[in-house]
Every structure is written in C-alpha cells, then in structure tokens.
Amino acid sequence: MSIGFGVFLFVVGAILAFAVNVTLDWIALSTVGWILMAAGVITVIIGVVLMARRRQSVSTTRSAVDPASGEQVTRRENLSDPL
C-alpha cells in the first residue's frame, strides 16, 4: 500500500511541478510539487525496506517420537528474523 501511495504522491507532485501553469500569490505550486515528489520517493523507499524486512523469516521443523505412545510428532515454527 505504501509503494502505491508513494507513486501517487510522486505523480501528483510531478503534475504540479511541471504541468500546472497557474500563479498564486499565497503559494508556489511548483514548490509544492517538488515537495510531494520528494515525499513520494521517501515513501516508496520506506515501503520497499519494510517489505524486504517482513519477508525475512526463519522456519524450523523438528521431528521426534513420543515415548509414551510411539507416534512421530512433527513441530513447525515460523519466526520473524529480528534485525
């Protein structure tokens, strides 16, 4: 979701910076466009970092025989890899 929002911010900022030729006394739309483009790039970078961090995990499978019943017991654990 954050990657899509970052692209959206970048596109809106590019439209304001390069395509809108409106002059307002109280705000510079080209400056707002550049700020939105920078925010979009930062949002995309943060989204990619968080997505890469979320995908790192450790998977452990242990098999043993239960001494009481003689059945084979399999235990699976999925843990996130802390950074």
N, C-alpha and C. Protein backbone atom coordinates (compact mmCIF):
# COMPACT_ATOMS: atom_id res chain seq x y z
N MET A 1 0.82 -1.19 0.00
CA MET A 1 0.00 0.00 0.00
C MET A 1 0.86 1.26 0.00
N SER A 2 1.96 1.25 0.75
CA SER A 2 2.79 2.45 0.84
C SER A 2 3.52 2.72 -0.47
N ILE A 3 3.84 1.67 -1.22
CA ILE A 3 4.51 1.87 -2.50
C ILE A 3 3.56 2.56 -3.48
N GLY A 4 2.33 2.12 -3.51
CA GLY A 4 1.34 2.74 -4.39
C GLY A 4 1.07 4.18 -3.99
N PHE A 5 0.99 4.45 -2.69
CA PHE A 5 0.77 5.82 -2.23
C PHE A 5 1.96 6.71 -2.57
N GLY A 6 3.17 6.15 -2.47
CA GLY A 6 4.37 6.91 -2.84
C GLY A 6 4.38 7.27 -4.31
N VAL A 7 3.98 6.32 -5.16
CA VAL A 7 3.89 6.60 -6.60
C VAL A 7 2.83 7.66 -6.86
N PHE A 8 1.71 7.58 -6.15
CA PHE A 8 0.64 8.58 -6.29
C PHE A 8 1.16 9.98 -5.92
N LEU A 9 1.87 10.08 -4.79
CA LEU A 9 2.42 11.37 -4.38
C LEU A 9 3.40 11.90 -5.42
N PHE A 10 4.23 11.02 -5.96
CA PHE A 10 5.20 11.44 -6.96
C PHE A 10 4.51 11.97 -8.21
N VAL A 11 3.48 11.26 -8.67
CA VAL A 11 2.77 11.68 -9.89
C VAL A 11 2.06 13.01 -9.68
N VAL A 12 1.38 13.17 -8.55
CA VAL A 12 0.69 14.44 -8.28
C VAL A 12 1.72 15.57 -8.17
N GLY A 13 2.85 15.29 -7.52
CA GLY A 13 3.89 16.31 -7.42
C GLY A 13 4.48 16.68 -8.77
N ALA A 14 4.66 15.69 -9.65
CA ALA A 14 5.19 15.98 -10.99
C ALA A 14 4.19 16.80 -11.80
N ILE A 15 2.92 16.51 -11.65
CA ILE A 15 1.90 17.30 -12.36
C ILE A 15 1.93 18.75 -11.87
N LEU A 16 2.01 18.93 -10.54
CA LEU A 16 2.05 20.30 -10.01
C LEU A 16 3.34 21.03 -10.39
N ALA A 17 4.45 20.30 -10.43
CA ALA A 17 5.74 20.96 -10.70
C ALA A 17 5.93 21.29 -12.17
N PHE A 18 5.45 20.41 -13.06
CA PHE A 18 5.78 20.58 -14.48
C PHE A 18 4.60 20.93 -15.38
N ALA A 19 3.38 20.59 -15.01
CA ALA A 19 2.26 20.74 -15.94
C ALA A 19 1.31 21.87 -15.60
N VAL A 20 1.30 22.32 -14.38
CA VAL A 20 0.36 23.37 -13.98
C VAL A 20 1.04 24.72 -14.12
N ASN A 21 0.42 25.60 -14.88
CA ASN A 21 0.96 26.94 -15.10
C ASN A 21 0.07 28.00 -14.47
N VAL A 22 -0.27 27.80 -13.22
CA VAL A 22 -1.13 28.74 -12.50
C VAL A 22 -0.26 29.48 -11.49
N THR A 23 -0.39 30.78 -11.44
CA THR A 23 0.37 31.59 -10.48
C THR A 23 -0.57 32.05 -9.38
N LEU A 24 -0.22 31.71 -8.16
CA LEU A 24 -0.97 32.15 -7.00
C LEU A 24 -0.05 32.98 -6.12
N ASP A 25 -0.61 34.03 -5.50
CA ASP A 25 0.20 34.91 -4.67
C ASP A 25 0.60 34.26 -3.35
N TRP A 26 -0.23 33.40 -2.82
CA TRP A 26 -0.02 32.87 -1.48
C TRP A 26 0.68 31.52 -1.44
N ILE A 27 0.91 30.86 -2.60
CA ILE A 27 1.58 29.56 -2.61
C ILE A 27 2.24 29.34 -3.97
N ALA A 28 3.39 28.71 -3.95
CA ALA A 28 4.08 28.36 -5.19
C ALA A 28 3.80 26.88 -5.47
N LEU A 29 3.00 26.63 -6.48
CA LEU A 29 2.60 25.25 -6.77
C LEU A 29 3.76 24.39 -7.24
N SER A 30 4.74 24.98 -7.88
CA SER A 30 5.89 24.18 -8.31
C SER A 30 6.69 23.69 -7.10
N THR A 31 6.80 24.53 -6.06
CA THR A 31 7.49 24.10 -4.84
C THR A 31 6.72 23.00 -4.14
N VAL A 32 5.40 23.12 -4.09
CA VAL A 32 4.57 22.07 -3.52
C VAL A 32 4.75 20.77 -4.31
N GLY A 33 4.84 20.88 -5.62
CA GLY A 33 5.06 19.71 -6.46
C GLY A 33 6.38 19.03 -6.16
N TRP A 34 7.44 19.81 -6.01
CA TRP A 34 8.75 19.22 -5.68
C TRP A 34 8.73 18.55 -4.31
N ILE A 35 8.04 19.17 -3.36
CA ILE A 35 7.93 18.57 -2.02
C ILE A 35 7.16 17.26 -2.09
N LEU A 36 6.08 17.22 -2.85
CA LEU A 36 5.30 15.98 -2.98
C LEU A 36 6.10 14.89 -3.70
N MET A 37 6.90 15.28 -4.69
CA MET A 37 7.73 14.29 -5.37
C MET A 37 8.77 13.70 -4.41
N ALA A 38 9.37 14.54 -3.58
CA ALA A 38 10.35 14.04 -2.60
C ALA A 38 9.67 13.13 -1.58
N ALA A 39 8.49 13.52 -1.12
CA ALA A 39 7.75 12.68 -0.17
C ALA A 39 7.38 11.35 -0.80
N GLY A 40 7.03 11.36 -2.08
CA GLY A 40 6.71 10.11 -2.78
C GLY A 40 7.90 9.18 -2.87
N VAL A 41 9.07 9.73 -3.18
CA VAL A 41 10.29 8.90 -3.26
C VAL A 41 10.62 8.31 -1.89
N ILE A 42 10.53 9.12 -0.85
CA ILE A 42 10.82 8.64 0.50
C ILE A 42 9.82 7.56 0.91
N THR A 43 8.55 7.74 0.57
CA THR A 43 7.53 6.75 0.91
C THR A 43 7.78 5.43 0.19
N VAL A 44 8.17 5.48 -1.07
CA VAL A 44 8.48 4.25 -1.80
C VAL A 44 9.68 3.55 -1.19
N ILE A 45 10.70 4.29 -0.83
CA ILE A 45 11.90 3.68 -0.22
C ILE A 45 11.55 3.01 1.10
N ILE A 46 10.77 3.69 1.94
CA ILE A 46 10.36 3.10 3.21
C ILE A 46 9.51 1.86 2.98
N GLY A 47 8.61 1.90 2.01
CA GLY A 47 7.77 0.74 1.70
C GLY A 47 8.58 -0.45 1.24
N VAL A 48 9.60 -0.23 0.42
CA VAL A 48 10.44 -1.33 -0.06
C VAL A 48 11.25 -1.91 1.10
N VAL A 49 11.78 -1.06 1.97
CA VAL A 49 12.56 -1.54 3.12
C VAL A 49 11.68 -2.36 4.05
N LEU A 50 10.48 -1.89 4.34
CA LEU A 50 9.59 -2.63 5.23
C LEU A 50 9.14 -3.94 4.61
N MET A 51 8.91 -3.96 3.32
CA MET A 51 8.50 -5.19 2.66
C MET A 51 9.64 -6.21 2.65
N ALA A 52 10.87 -5.75 2.44
CA ALA A 52 12.02 -6.67 2.46
C ALA A 52 12.25 -7.20 3.86
N ARG A 53 12.05 -6.38 4.85
CA ARG A 53 12.24 -6.81 6.24
C ARG A 53 11.18 -7.82 6.64
N ARG A 54 9.97 -7.66 6.17
CA ARG A 54 8.87 -8.55 6.52
C ARG A 54 9.07 -9.95 5.93
N ARG A 55 9.77 -10.05 4.82
CA ARG A 55 9.94 -11.33 4.15
C ARG A 55 11.03 -12.19 4.76
N GLN A 56 11.87 -11.63 5.60
CA GLN A 56 12.91 -12.41 6.23
C GLN A 56 12.31 -13.21 7.38
N SER A 57 12.46 -14.53 7.33
CA SER A 57 11.91 -15.37 8.39
C SER A 57 12.77 -16.61 8.55
N VAL A 58 12.59 -17.25 9.68
CA VAL A 58 13.29 -18.49 9.99
C VAL A 58 12.25 -19.58 10.17
N SER A 59 12.42 -20.67 9.46
CA SER A 59 11.49 -21.78 9.55
C SER A 59 12.22 -22.98 10.14
N THR A 60 11.67 -23.54 11.21
CA THR A 60 12.28 -24.68 11.89
C THR A 60 11.29 -25.82 11.94
N THR A 61 11.75 -27.02 11.55
CA THR A 61 10.92 -28.22 11.64
C THR A 61 11.66 -29.25 12.48
N ARG A 62 10.98 -29.77 13.50
CA ARG A 62 11.58 -30.78 14.37
C ARG A 62 10.69 -32.01 14.39
N SER A 63 11.29 -33.15 14.27
CA SER A 63 10.56 -34.41 14.34
C SER A 63 11.11 -35.24 15.49
N ALA A 64 10.23 -35.87 16.22
CA ALA A 64 10.63 -36.73 17.34
C ALA A 64 9.57 -37.81 17.51
N VAL A 65 9.92 -38.84 18.25
CA VAL A 65 8.99 -39.92 18.56
C VAL A 65 8.55 -39.76 20.00
N ASP A 66 7.22 -39.75 20.17
CA ASP A 66 6.66 -39.63 21.52
C ASP A 66 6.91 -40.94 22.27
N PRO A 67 7.62 -40.89 23.40
CA PRO A 67 7.95 -42.14 24.10
C PRO A 67 6.72 -42.84 24.69
N ALA A 68 5.68 -42.10 25.03
CA ALA A 68 4.52 -42.71 25.66
C ALA A 68 3.67 -43.48 24.65
N SER A 69 3.43 -42.88 23.48
CA SER A 69 2.53 -43.53 22.52
C SER A 69 3.27 -44.14 21.34
N GLY A 70 4.51 -43.79 21.12
CA GLY A 70 5.27 -44.32 20.00
C GLY A 70 4.96 -43.62 18.68
N GLU A 71 4.19 -42.53 18.71
CA GLU A 71 3.85 -41.79 17.49
C GLU A 71 4.93 -40.77 17.17
N GLN A 72 5.08 -40.51 15.89
CA GLN A 72 6.03 -39.49 15.46
C GLN A 72 5.34 -38.13 15.54
N VAL A 73 6.03 -37.18 16.17
CA VAL A 73 5.50 -35.84 16.38
C VAL A 73 6.36 -34.87 15.57
N THR A 74 5.71 -34.01 14.78
CA THR A 74 6.41 -33.01 13.99
C THR A 74 5.98 -31.63 14.48
N ARG A 75 6.95 -30.79 14.76
CA ARG A 75 6.67 -29.43 15.23
C ARG A 75 7.28 -28.44 14.24
N ARG A 76 6.47 -27.50 13.77
CA ARG A 76 6.94 -26.47 12.84
C ARG A 76 6.81 -25.11 13.49
N GLU A 77 7.85 -24.29 13.34
CA GLU A 77 7.85 -22.92 13.85
C GLU A 77 8.26 -21.97 12.76
N ASN A 78 7.55 -20.88 12.63
CA ASN A 78 7.91 -19.80 11.70
C ASN A 78 8.14 -18.55 12.54
N LEU A 79 9.36 -18.09 12.57
CA LEU A 79 9.72 -16.92 13.38
C LEU A 79 10.24 -15.82 12.47
N SER A 80 9.93 -14.59 12.82
CA SER A 80 10.49 -13.46 12.08
C SER A 80 11.94 -13.28 12.50
N ASP A 81 12.75 -12.86 11.57
CA ASP A 81 14.16 -12.64 11.84
C ASP A 81 14.32 -11.23 12.37
N PRO A 82 14.61 -11.05 13.66
CA PRO A 82 14.77 -9.69 14.20
C PRO A 82 16.07 -9.07 13.70
N LEU A 83 15.99 -7.77 13.38
CA LEU A 83 17.19 -7.06 12.92
C LEU A 83 17.82 -6.28 14.01
